[in-house]
């Protein structure tokens, strides 16, 4: 599993951007959020 990482700080290439759905129009791109402190519950 050589692409797998555990922190947003490790993102370097070929990654998707998160999006938030909007009531009207296309989804809005938002920033990655650091989940390092809860990584064992959801950080991969």
ModelCIF file with pLDDT and N, C-alpha, C, O atoms, coordinates in Angstrom:
data_MODEL
#
_entry.id   MODEL 
#
_entity.id                         1 
_entity.type                       polymer 
_entity.pdbx_number_of_molecules   1 
#
_entity_poly.entity_id                      1 
_entity_poly.type                           'polypeptide(L)' 
_entity_poly.nstd_linkage                   no 
_entity_poly.nstd_monomer                   no 
_entity_poly.pdbx_seq_one_letter_code       
;(UNK)(UNK)(UNK)(UNK)(UNK)(UNK)(UNK)(UNK)(UNK)(UNK)(UNK)(UNK)(UNK)(UNK)(UNK)(UNK)
(UNK)(UNK)(UNK)(UNK)(UNK)(UNK)(UNK)(UNK)(UNK)(UNK)(UNK)(UNK)(UNK)(UNK)(UNK)(UNK)
(UNK)(UNK)(UNK)(UNK)(UNK)(UNK)(UNK)(UNK)(UNK)(UNK)(UNK)(UNK)
;
_entity_poly.pdbx_seq_one_letter_code_can   XXXXXXXXXXXXXXXXXXXXXXXXXXXXXXXXXXXXXXXXXXXX 
_entity_poly.pdbx_strand_id                 A 
#
loop_
_entity_poly_seq.entity_id 
_entity_poly_seq.num 
_entity_poly_seq.mon_id 
_entity_poly_seq.hetero 
1 1  UNK n 
1 2  UNK n 
1 3  UNK n 
1 4  UNK n 
1 5  UNK n 
1 6  UNK n 
1 7  UNK n 
1 8  UNK n 
1 9  UNK n 
1 10 UNK n 
1 11 UNK n 
1 12 UNK n 
1 13 UNK n 
1 14 UNK n 
1 15 UNK n 
1 16 UNK n 
1 17 UNK n 
1 18 UNK n 
1 19 UNK n 
1 20 UNK n 
1 21 UNK n 
1 22 UNK n 
1 23 UNK n 
1 24 UNK n 
1 25 UNK n 
1 26 UNK n 
1 27 UNK n 
1 28 UNK n 
1 29 UNK n 
1 30 UNK n 
1 31 UNK n 
1 32 UNK n 
1 33 UNK n 
1 34 UNK n 
1 35 UNK n 
1 36 UNK n 
1 37 UNK n 
1 38 UNK n 
1 39 UNK n 
1 40 UNK n 
1 41 UNK n 
1 42 UNK n 
1 43 UNK n 
1 44 UNK n 
#
_struct_asym.id          A 
_struct_asym.entity_id   1 
#
loop_
_ma_qa_metric.id 
_ma_qa_metric.mode 
_ma_qa_metric.name 
_ma_qa_metric.software_group_id 
_ma_qa_metric.type 
1 global pLDDT . pLDDT 
2 local  pLDDT . pLDDT 
#
_ma_qa_metric_global.metric_id      1 
_ma_qa_metric_global.metric_value   96.66 
_ma_qa_metric_global.model_id       1 
_ma_qa_metric_global.ordinal_id     1 
#
loop_
_ma_qa_metric_local.label_asym_id 
_ma_qa_metric_local.label_comp_id 
_ma_qa_metric_local.label_seq_id 
_ma_qa_metric_local.metric_id 
_ma_qa_metric_local.metric_value 
_ma_qa_metric_local.model_id 
_ma_qa_metric_local.ordinal_id 
A UNK 1  2 98.00 1 1  
A UNK 2  2 98.00 1 2  
A UNK 3  2 98.00 1 3  
A UNK 4  2 98.00 1 4  
A UNK 5  2 98.00 1 5  
A UNK 6  2 98.00 1 6  
A UNK 7  2 98.00 1 7  
A UNK 8  2 98.00 1 8  
A UNK 9  2 98.00 1 9  
A UNK 10 2 98.00 1 10 
A UNK 11 2 98.00 1 11 
A UNK 12 2 96.00 1 12 
A UNK 13 2 96.00 1 13 
A UNK 14 2 98.00 1 14 
A UNK 15 2 98.00 1 15 
A UNK 16 2 98.00 1 16 
A UNK 17 2 98.00 1 17 
A UNK 18 2 98.00 1 18 
A UNK 19 2 98.00 1 19 
A UNK 20 2 97.00 1 20 
A UNK 21 2 96.00 1 21 
A UNK 22 2 93.00 1 22 
A UNK 23 2 87.00 1 23 
A UNK 24 2 85.00 1 24 
A UNK 25 2 88.00 1 25 
A UNK 26 2 92.00 1 26 
A UNK 27 2 96.00 1 27 
A UNK 28 2 96.00 1 28 
A UNK 29 2 97.00 1 29 
A UNK 30 2 97.00 1 30 
A UNK 31 2 97.00 1 31 
A UNK 32 2 98.00 1 32 
A UNK 33 2 98.00 1 33 
A UNK 34 2 98.00 1 34 
A UNK 35 2 98.00 1 35 
A UNK 36 2 98.00 1 36 
A UNK 37 2 98.00 1 37 
A UNK 38 2 98.00 1 38 
A UNK 39 2 98.00 1 39 
A UNK 40 2 98.00 1 40 
A UNK 41 2 98.00 1 41 
A UNK 42 2 98.00 1 42 
A UNK 43 2 98.00 1 43 
A UNK 44 2 98.00 1 44 
#
loop_
_atom_site.group_PDB 
_atom_site.id 
_atom_site.type_symbol 
_atom_site.label_atom_id 
_atom_site.label_alt_id 
_atom_site.label_comp_id 
_atom_site.label_asym_id 
_atom_site.label_entity_id 
_atom_site.label_seq_id 
_atom_site.pdbx_PDB_ins_code 
_atom_site.Cartn_x 
_atom_site.Cartn_y 
_atom_site.Cartn_z 
_atom_site.occupancy 
_atom_site.B_iso_or_equiv 
_atom_site.pdbx_formal_charge 
_atom_site.auth_seq_id 
_atom_site.auth_comp_id 
_atom_site.auth_asym_id 
_atom_site.auth_atom_id 
_atom_site.pdbx_PDB_model_num 
ATOM 1   N N  . UNK A 1 1  ? 0.862   -1.186 0.000  1.00 98.00 ? 1  UNK A N  1 
ATOM 2   C CA . UNK A 1 1  ? 0.000   0.000  0.000  1.00 98.00 ? 1  UNK A CA 1 
ATOM 3   C C  . UNK A 1 1  ? 0.899   1.237  0.000  1.00 98.00 ? 1  UNK A C  1 
ATOM 4   O O  . UNK A 1 1  ? 0.967   1.970  0.987  1.00 98.00 ? 1  UNK A O  1 
ATOM 5   N N  . UNK A 1 2  ? 1.588   1.456  -1.127 1.00 98.00 ? 2  UNK A N  1 
ATOM 6   C CA . UNK A 1 2  ? 2.642   2.466  -1.159 1.00 98.00 ? 2  UNK A CA 1 
ATOM 7   C C  . UNK A 1 2  ? 2.145   3.883  -1.388 1.00 98.00 ? 2  UNK A C  1 
ATOM 8   O O  . UNK A 1 2  ? 2.939   4.823  -1.350 1.00 98.00 ? 2  UNK A O  1 
ATOM 9   N N  . UNK A 1 3  ? 0.839   4.061  -1.628 1.00 98.00 ? 3  UNK A N  1 
ATOM 10  C CA . UNK A 1 3  ? 0.282   5.408  -1.763 1.00 98.00 ? 3  UNK A CA 1 
ATOM 11  C C  . UNK A 1 3  ? -0.352  5.896  -0.466 1.00 98.00 ? 3  UNK A C  1 
ATOM 12  O O  . UNK A 1 3  ? -0.652  7.083  -0.331 1.00 98.00 ? 3  UNK A O  1 
ATOM 13  N N  . UNK A 1 4  ? -0.555  5.007  0.472  1.00 98.00 ? 4  UNK A N  1 
ATOM 14  C CA . UNK A 1 4  ? -1.317  5.311  1.676  1.00 98.00 ? 4  UNK A CA 1 
ATOM 15  C C  . UNK A 1 4  ? -0.506  6.138  2.666  1.00 98.00 ? 4  UNK A C  1 
ATOM 16  O O  . UNK A 1 4  ? 0.654   5.836  2.948  1.00 98.00 ? 4  UNK A O  1 
ATOM 17  N N  . UNK A 1 5  ? -1.149  7.206  3.199  1.00 98.00 ? 5  UNK A N  1 
ATOM 18  C CA . UNK A 1 5  ? -0.511  8.105  4.163  1.00 98.00 ? 5  UNK A CA 1 
ATOM 19  C C  . UNK A 1 5  ? -1.466  8.336  5.334  1.00 98.00 ? 5  UNK A C  1 
ATOM 20  O O  . UNK A 1 5  ? -2.599  7.854  5.330  1.00 98.00 ? 5  UNK A O  1 
ATOM 21  N N  . UNK A 1 6  ? -0.996  9.075  6.325  1.00 98.00 ? 6  UNK A N  1 
ATOM 22  C CA . UNK A 1 6  ? -1.802  9.222  7.543  1.00 98.00 ? 6  UNK A CA 1 
ATOM 23  C C  . UNK A 1 6  ? -2.075  10.675 7.931  1.00 98.00 ? 6  UNK A C  1 
ATOM 24  O O  . UNK A 1 6  ? -2.736  10.925 8.939  1.00 98.00 ? 6  UNK A O  1 
ATOM 25  N N  . UNK A 1 7  ? -1.578  11.640 7.149  1.00 98.00 ? 7  UNK A N  1 
ATOM 26  C CA . UNK A 1 7  ? -1.767  13.039 7.502  1.00 98.00 ? 7  UNK A CA 1 
ATOM 27  C C  . UNK A 1 7  ? -1.914  13.892 6.254  1.00 98.00 ? 7  UNK A C  1 
ATOM 28  O O  . UNK A 1 7  ? -1.296  13.611 5.227  1.00 98.00 ? 7  UNK A O  1 
ATOM 29  N N  . UNK A 1 8  ? -2.734  14.936 6.341  1.00 98.00 ? 8  UNK A N  1 
ATOM 30  C CA . UNK A 1 8  ? -2.882  15.865 5.219  1.00 98.00 ? 8  UNK A CA 1 
ATOM 31  C C  . UNK A 1 8  ? -1.565  16.580 4.937  1.00 98.00 ? 8  UNK A C  1 
ATOM 32  O O  . UNK A 1 8  ? -1.350  17.055 3.822  1.00 98.00 ? 8  UNK A O  1 
ATOM 33  N N  . UNK A 1 9  ? -0.680  16.664 5.931  1.00 98.00 ? 9  UNK A N  1 
ATOM 34  C CA . UNK A 1 9  ? 0.606   17.314 5.738  1.00 98.00 ? 9  UNK A CA 1 
ATOM 35  C C  . UNK A 1 9  ? 1.504   16.523 4.783  1.00 98.00 ? 9  UNK A C  1 
ATOM 36  O O  . UNK A 1 9  ? 2.526   17.031 4.321  1.00 98.00 ? 9  UNK A O  1 
ATOM 37  N N  . UNK A 1 10 ? 1.117   15.279 4.489  1.00 98.00 ? 10 UNK A N  1 
ATOM 38  C CA . UNK A 1 10 ? 1.918   14.428 3.610  1.00 98.00 ? 10 UNK A CA 1 
ATOM 39  C C  . UNK A 1 10 ? 1.413   14.447 2.168  1.00 98.00 ? 10 UNK A C  1 
ATOM 40  O O  . UNK A 1 10 ? 2.031   13.838 1.294  1.00 98.00 ? 10 UNK A O  1 
ATOM 41  N N  . UNK A 1 11 ? 0.317   15.126 1.910  1.00 98.00 ? 11 UNK A N  1 
ATOM 42  C CA . UNK A 1 11 ? -0.225  15.184 0.551  1.00 98.00 ? 11 UNK A CA 1 
ATOM 43  C C  . UNK A 1 11 ? 0.769   15.880 -0.376 1.00 98.00 ? 11 UNK A C  1 
ATOM 44  O O  . UNK A 1 11 ? 1.226   16.987 -0.091 1.00 98.00 ? 11 UNK A O  1 
ATOM 45  N N  . UNK A 1 12 ? 1.096   15.221 -1.485 1.00 96.00 ? 12 UNK A N  1 
ATOM 46  C CA . UNK A 1 12 ? 2.093   15.787 -2.390 1.00 96.00 ? 12 UNK A CA 1 
ATOM 47  C C  . UNK A 1 12 ? 1.650   15.764 -3.849 1.00 96.00 ? 12 UNK A C  1 
ATOM 48  O O  . UNK A 1 12 ? 1.854   16.744 -4.566 1.00 96.00 ? 12 UNK A O  1 
ATOM 49  N N  . UNK A 1 13 ? 1.055   14.676 -4.297 1.00 96.00 ? 13 UNK A N  1 
ATOM 50  C CA . UNK A 1 13 ? 0.674   14.577 -5.703 1.00 96.00 ? 13 UNK A CA 1 
ATOM 51  C C  . UNK A 1 13 ? -0.559  13.695 -5.858 1.00 96.00 ? 13 UNK A C  1 
ATOM 52  O O  . UNK A 1 13 ? -0.809  12.806 -5.044 1.00 96.00 ? 13 UNK A O  1 
ATOM 53  N N  . UNK A 1 14 ? -1.309  13.948 -6.893 1.00 98.00 ? 14 UNK A N  1 
ATOM 54  C CA . UNK A 1 14 ? -2.464  13.144 -7.283 1.00 98.00 ? 14 UNK A CA 1 
ATOM 55  C C  . UNK A 1 14 ? -3.433  12.908 -6.126 1.00 98.00 ? 14 UNK A C  1 
ATOM 56  O O  . UNK A 1 14 ? -3.681  11.769 -5.731 1.00 98.00 ? 14 UNK A O  1 
ATOM 57  N N  . UNK A 1 15 ? -3.970  13.988 -5.595 1.00 98.00 ? 15 UNK A N  1 
ATOM 58  C CA . UNK A 1 15 ? -4.979  13.864 -4.547 1.00 98.00 ? 15 UNK A CA 1 
ATOM 59  C C  . UNK A 1 15 ? -6.208  14.674 -4.924 1.00 98.00 ? 15 UNK A C  1 
ATOM 60  O O  . UNK A 1 15 ? -6.110  15.707 -5.587 1.00 98.00 ? 15 UNK A O  1 
ATOM 61  N N  . UNK A 1 16 ? -7.367  14.190 -4.490 1.00 98.00 ? 16 UNK A N  1 
ATOM 62  C CA . UNK A 1 16 ? -8.623  14.889 -4.739 1.00 98.00 ? 16 UNK A CA 1 
ATOM 63  C C  . UNK A 1 16 ? -8.800  15.997 -3.708 1.00 98.00 ? 16 UNK A C  1 
ATOM 64  O O  . UNK A 1 16 ? -8.255  15.931 -2.607 1.00 98.00 ? 16 UNK A O  1 
ATOM 65  N N  . UNK A 1 17 ? -9.565  17.008 -4.079 1.00 98.00 ? 17 UNK A N  1 
ATOM 66  C CA . UNK A 1 17 ? -9.916  18.073 -3.139 1.00 98.00 ? 17 UNK A CA 1 
ATOM 67  C C  . UNK A 1 17 ? -11.307 17.798 -2.564 1.00 98.00 ? 17 UNK A C  1 
ATOM 68  O O  . UNK A 1 17 ? -12.196 17.351 -3.290 1.00 98.00 ? 17 UNK A O  1 
ATOM 69  N N  . UNK A 1 18 ? -11.503 18.058 -1.273 1.00 98.00 ? 18 UNK A N  1 
ATOM 70  C CA . UNK A 1 18 ? -12.828 17.880 -0.677 1.00 98.00 ? 18 UNK A CA 1 
ATOM 71  C C  . UNK A 1 18 ? -13.802 18.928 -1.222 1.00 98.00 ? 18 UNK A C  1 
ATOM 72  O O  . UNK A 1 18 ? -13.398 20.005 -1.659 1.00 98.00 ? 18 UNK A O  1 
ATOM 73  N N  . UNK A 1 19 ? -15.097 18.584 -1.185 1.00 98.00 ? 19 UNK A N  1 
ATOM 74  C CA . UNK A 1 19 ? -16.140 19.501 -1.645 1.00 98.00 ? 19 UNK A CA 1 
ATOM 75  C C  . UNK A 1 19 ? -17.337 19.474 -0.704 1.00 98.00 ? 19 UNK A C  1 
ATOM 76  O O  . UNK A 1 19 ? -17.662 18.446 -0.109 1.00 98.00 ? 19 UNK A O  1 
ATOM 77  N N  . UNK A 1 20 ? -17.979 20.621 -0.587 1.00 97.00 ? 20 UNK A N  1 
ATOM 78  C CA . UNK A 1 20 ? -19.219 20.723 0.172  1.00 97.00 ? 20 UNK A CA 1 
ATOM 79  C C  . UNK A 1 20 ? -20.371 20.971 -0.794 1.00 97.00 ? 20 UNK A C  1 
ATOM 80  O O  . UNK A 1 20 ? -20.308 21.910 -1.587 1.00 97.00 ? 20 UNK A O  1 
ATOM 81  N N  . UNK A 1 21 ? -21.427 20.149 -0.748 1.00 96.00 ? 21 UNK A N  1 
ATOM 82  C CA . UNK A 1 21 ? -22.586 20.365 -1.623 1.00 96.00 ? 21 UNK A CA 1 
ATOM 83  C C  . UNK A 1 21 ? -23.229 21.725 -1.360 1.00 96.00 ? 21 UNK A C  1 
ATOM 84  O O  . UNK A 1 21 ? -23.248 22.211 -0.229 1.00 96.00 ? 21 UNK A O  1 
ATOM 85  N N  . UNK A 1 22 ? -23.747 22.320 -2.414 1.00 93.00 ? 22 UNK A N  1 
ATOM 86  C CA . UNK A 1 22 ? -24.415 23.611 -2.326 1.00 93.00 ? 22 UNK A CA 1 
ATOM 87  C C  . UNK A 1 22 ? -25.885 23.454 -2.693 1.00 93.00 ? 22 UNK A C  1 
ATOM 88  O O  . UNK A 1 22 ? -26.222 22.611 -3.525 1.00 93.00 ? 22 UNK A O  1 
ATOM 89  N N  . UNK A 1 23 ? -26.774 24.252 -2.086 1.00 87.00 ? 23 UNK A N  1 
ATOM 90  C CA . UNK A 1 23 ? -28.208 24.155 -2.417 1.00 87.00 ? 23 UNK A CA 1 
ATOM 91  C C  . UNK A 1 23 ? -28.476 24.359 -3.910 1.00 87.00 ? 23 UNK A C  1 
ATOM 92  O O  . UNK A 1 23 ? -29.333 23.694 -4.493 1.00 87.00 ? 23 UNK A O  1 
ATOM 93  N N  . UNK A 1 24 ? -27.744 25.273 -4.513 1.00 85.00 ? 24 UNK A N  1 
ATOM 94  C CA . UNK A 1 24 ? -27.877 25.551 -5.941 1.00 85.00 ? 24 UNK A CA 1 
ATOM 95  C C  . UNK A 1 24 ? -26.482 25.635 -6.549 1.00 85.00 ? 24 UNK A C  1 
ATOM 96  O O  . UNK A 1 24 ? -25.591 26.298 -6.016 1.00 85.00 ? 24 UNK A O  1 
ATOM 97  N N  . UNK A 1 25 ? -26.315 24.953 -7.667 1.00 88.00 ? 25 UNK A N  1 
ATOM 98  C CA . UNK A 1 25 ? -25.036 25.020 -8.345 1.00 88.00 ? 25 UNK A CA 1 
ATOM 99  C C  . UNK A 1 25 ? -24.105 23.889 -7.956 1.00 88.00 ? 25 UNK A C  1 
ATOM 100 O O  . UNK A 1 25 ? -24.462 23.034 -7.146 1.00 88.00 ? 25 UNK A O  1 
ATOM 101 N N  . UNK A 1 26 ? -22.907 23.883 -8.533 1.00 92.00 ? 26 UNK A N  1 
ATOM 102 C CA . UNK A 1 26 ? -21.946 22.798 -8.298 1.00 92.00 ? 26 UNK A CA 1 
ATOM 103 C C  . UNK A 1 26 ? -21.397 22.808 -6.877 1.00 92.00 ? 26 UNK A C  1 
ATOM 104 O O  . UNK A 1 26 ? -21.451 23.818 -6.175 1.00 92.00 ? 26 UNK A O  1 
ATOM 105 N N  . UNK A 1 27 ? -20.872 21.664 -6.477 1.00 96.00 ? 27 UNK A N  1 
ATOM 106 C CA . UNK A 1 27 ? -20.263 21.557 -5.154 1.00 96.00 ? 27 UNK A CA 1 
ATOM 107 C C  . UNK A 1 27 ? -19.092 22.531 -5.035 1.00 96.00 ? 27 UNK A C  1 
ATOM 108 O O  . UNK A 1 27 ? -18.411 22.843 -6.012 1.00 96.00 ? 27 UNK A O  1 
ATOM 109 N N  . UNK A 1 28 ? -18.885 22.998 -3.807 1.00 96.00 ? 28 UNK A N  1 
ATOM 110 C CA . UNK A 1 28 ? -17.819 23.977 -3.553 1.00 96.00 ? 28 UNK A CA 1 
ATOM 111 C C  . UNK A 1 28 ? -16.582 23.279 -3.007 1.00 96.00 ? 28 UNK A C  1 
ATOM 112 O O  . UNK A 1 28 ? -16.652 22.542 -2.025 1.00 96.00 ? 28 UNK A O  1 
ATOM 113 N N  . UNK A 1 29 ? -15.447 23.522 -3.657 1.00 97.00 ? 29 UNK A N  1 
ATOM 114 C CA . UNK A 1 29 ? -14.185 22.983 -3.174 1.00 97.00 ? 29 UNK A CA 1 
ATOM 115 C C  . UNK A 1 29 ? -13.817 23.641 -1.846 1.00 97.00 ? 29 UNK A C  1 
ATOM 116 O O  . UNK A 1 29 ? -13.921 24.859 -1.705 1.00 97.00 ? 29 UNK A O  1 
ATOM 117 N N  . UNK A 1 30 ? -13.385 22.829 -0.868 1.00 97.00 ? 30 UNK A N  1 
ATOM 118 C CA . UNK A 1 30 ? -12.959 23.343 0.429  1.00 97.00 ? 30 UNK A CA 1 
ATOM 119 C C  . UNK A 1 30 ? -11.576 22.781 0.750  1.00 97.00 ? 30 UNK A C  1 
ATOM 120 O O  . UNK A 1 30 ? -11.102 21.854 0.093  1.00 97.00 ? 30 UNK A O  1 
ATOM 121 N N  . UNK A 1 31 ? -10.947 23.346 1.753  1.00 97.00 ? 31 UNK A N  1 
ATOM 122 C CA . UNK A 1 31 ? -9.591  22.919 2.115  1.00 97.00 ? 31 UNK A CA 1 
ATOM 123 C C  . UNK A 1 31 ? -9.610  21.580 2.855  1.00 97.00 ? 31 UNK A C  1 
ATOM 124 O O  . UNK A 1 31 ? -10.594 21.218 3.501  1.00 97.00 ? 31 UNK A O  1 
ATOM 125 N N  . UNK A 1 32 ? -8.492  20.856 2.739  1.00 98.00 ? 32 UNK A N  1 
ATOM 126 C CA . UNK A 1 32 ? -8.298  19.681 3.579  1.00 98.00 ? 32 UNK A CA 1 
ATOM 127 C C  . UNK A 1 32 ? -8.180  20.125 5.037  1.00 98.00 ? 32 UNK A C  1 
ATOM 128 O O  . UNK A 1 32 ? -7.627  21.186 5.327  1.00 98.00 ? 32 UNK A O  1 
ATOM 129 N N  . UNK A 1 33 ? -8.699  19.314 5.943  1.00 98.00 ? 33 UNK A N  1 
ATOM 130 C CA . UNK A 1 33 ? -8.663  19.600 7.376  1.00 98.00 ? 33 UNK A CA 1 
ATOM 131 C C  . UNK A 1 33 ? -7.755  18.593 8.067  1.00 98.00 ? 33 UNK A C  1 
ATOM 132 O O  . UNK A 1 33 ? -7.831  17.395 7.794  1.00 98.00 ? 33 UNK A O  1 
ATOM 133 N N  . UNK A 1 34 ? -6.910  19.069 8.950  1.00 98.00 ? 34 UNK A N  1 
ATOM 134 C CA . UNK A 1 34 ? -5.990  18.191 9.660  1.00 98.00 ? 34 UNK A CA 1 
ATOM 135 C C  . UNK A 1 34 ? -6.726  17.393 10.732 1.00 98.00 ? 34 UNK A C  1 
ATOM 136 O O  . UNK A 1 34 ? -7.345  17.964 11.630 1.00 98.00 ? 34 UNK A O  1 
ATOM 137 N N  . UNK A 1 35 ? -6.652  16.057 10.626 1.00 98.00 ? 35 UNK A N  1 
ATOM 138 C CA . UNK A 1 35 ? -7.281  15.164 11.595 1.00 98.00 ? 35 UNK A CA 1 
ATOM 139 C C  . UNK A 1 35 ? -6.233  14.369 12.380 1.00 98.00 ? 35 UNK A C  1 
ATOM 140 O O  . UNK A 1 35 ? -6.533  13.288 12.886 1.00 98.00 ? 35 UNK A O  1 
ATOM 141 N N  . UNK A 1 36 ? -5.022  14.885 12.485 1.00 98.00 ? 36 UNK A N  1 
ATOM 142 C CA . UNK A 1 36 ? -3.950  14.098 13.103 1.00 98.00 ? 36 UNK A CA 1 
ATOM 143 C C  . UNK A 1 36 ? -4.261  13.675 14.532 1.00 98.00 ? 36 UNK A C  1 
ATOM 144 O O  . UNK A 1 36 ? -3.912  12.567 14.940 1.00 98.00 ? 36 UNK A O  1 
ATOM 145 N N  . UNK A 1 37 ? -4.921  14.554 15.305 1.00 98.00 ? 37 UNK A N  1 
ATOM 146 C CA . UNK A 1 37 ? -5.158  14.221 16.711 1.00 98.00 ? 37 UNK A CA 1 
ATOM 147 C C  . UNK A 1 37 ? -6.185  13.104 16.889 1.00 98.00 ? 37 UNK A C  1 
ATOM 148 O O  . UNK A 1 37 ? -6.230  12.473 17.945 1.00 98.00 ? 37 UNK A O  1 
ATOM 149 N N  . UNK A 1 38 ? -7.011  12.852 15.872 1.00 98.00 ? 38 UNK A N  1 
ATOM 150 C CA . UNK A 1 38 ? -7.969  11.743 15.953 1.00 98.00 ? 38 UNK A CA 1 
ATOM 151 C C  . UNK A 1 38 ? -7.672  10.687 14.894 1.00 98.00 ? 38 UNK A C  1 
ATOM 152 O O  . UNK A 1 38 ? -8.548  9.912  14.509 1.00 98.00 ? 38 UNK A O  1 
ATOM 153 N N  . UNK A 1 39 ? -6.412  10.666 14.426 1.00 98.00 ? 39 UNK A N  1 
ATOM 154 C CA . UNK A 1 39 ? -6.060  9.812  13.298 1.00 98.00 ? 39 UNK A CA 1 
ATOM 155 C C  . UNK A 1 39 ? -6.413  8.357  13.454 1.00 98.00 ? 39 UNK A C  1 
ATOM 156 O O  . UNK A 1 39 ? -6.776  7.711  12.471 1.00 98.00 ? 39 UNK A O  1 
ATOM 157 N N  . UNK A 1 40 ? -6.319  7.809  14.665 1.00 98.00 ? 40 UNK A N  1 
ATOM 158 C CA . UNK A 1 40 ? -6.642  6.396  14.868 1.00 98.00 ? 40 UNK A CA 1 
ATOM 159 C C  . UNK A 1 40 ? -8.117  6.107  14.645 1.00 98.00 ? 40 UNK A C  1 
ATOM 160 O O  . UNK A 1 40 ? -8.501  4.954  14.449 1.00 98.00 ? 40 UNK A O  1 
ATOM 161 N N  . UNK A 1 41 ? -8.941  7.136  14.674 1.00 98.00 ? 41 UNK A N  1 
ATOM 162 C CA . UNK A 1 41 ? -10.374 6.963  14.429 1.00 98.00 ? 41 UNK A CA 1 
ATOM 163 C C  . UNK A 1 41 ? -10.754 7.263  12.988 1.00 98.00 ? 41 UNK A C  1 
ATOM 164 O O  . UNK A 1 41 ? -11.827 6.863  12.536 1.00 98.00 ? 41 UNK A O  1 
ATOM 165 N N  . UNK A 1 42 ? -9.878  7.971  12.251 1.00 98.00 ? 42 UNK A N  1 
ATOM 166 C CA . UNK A 1 42 ? -10.290 8.327  10.902 1.00 98.00 ? 42 UNK A CA 1 
ATOM 167 C C  . UNK A 1 42 ? -9.263  9.066  10.076 1.00 98.00 ? 42 UNK A C  1 
ATOM 168 O O  . UNK A 1 42 ? -9.645  9.856  9.213  1.00 98.00 ? 42 UNK A O  1 
ATOM 169 N N  . UNK A 1 43 ? -7.979  8.851  10.294 1.00 98.00 ? 43 UNK A N  1 
ATOM 170 C CA . UNK A 1 43 ? -6.974  9.688  9.668  1.00 98.00 ? 43 UNK A CA 1 
ATOM 171 C C  . UNK A 1 43 ? -6.341  9.186  8.389  1.00 98.00 ? 43 UNK A C  1 
ATOM 172 O O  . UNK A 1 43 ? -5.590  9.930  7.759  1.00 98.00 ? 43 UNK A O  1 
ATOM 173 N N  . UNK A 1 44 ? -6.610  7.954  7.974  1.00 98.00 ? 44 UNK A N  1 
ATOM 174 C CA . UNK A 1 44 ? -5.909  7.398  6.813  1.00 98.00 ? 44 UNK A CA 1 
ATOM 175 C C  . UNK A 1 44 ? -6.393  8.035  5.513  1.00 98.00 ? 44 UNK A C  1 
ATOM 176 O O  . UNK A 1 44 ? -5.910  7.685  4.436  1.00 98.00 ? 44 UNK A O  1 
#
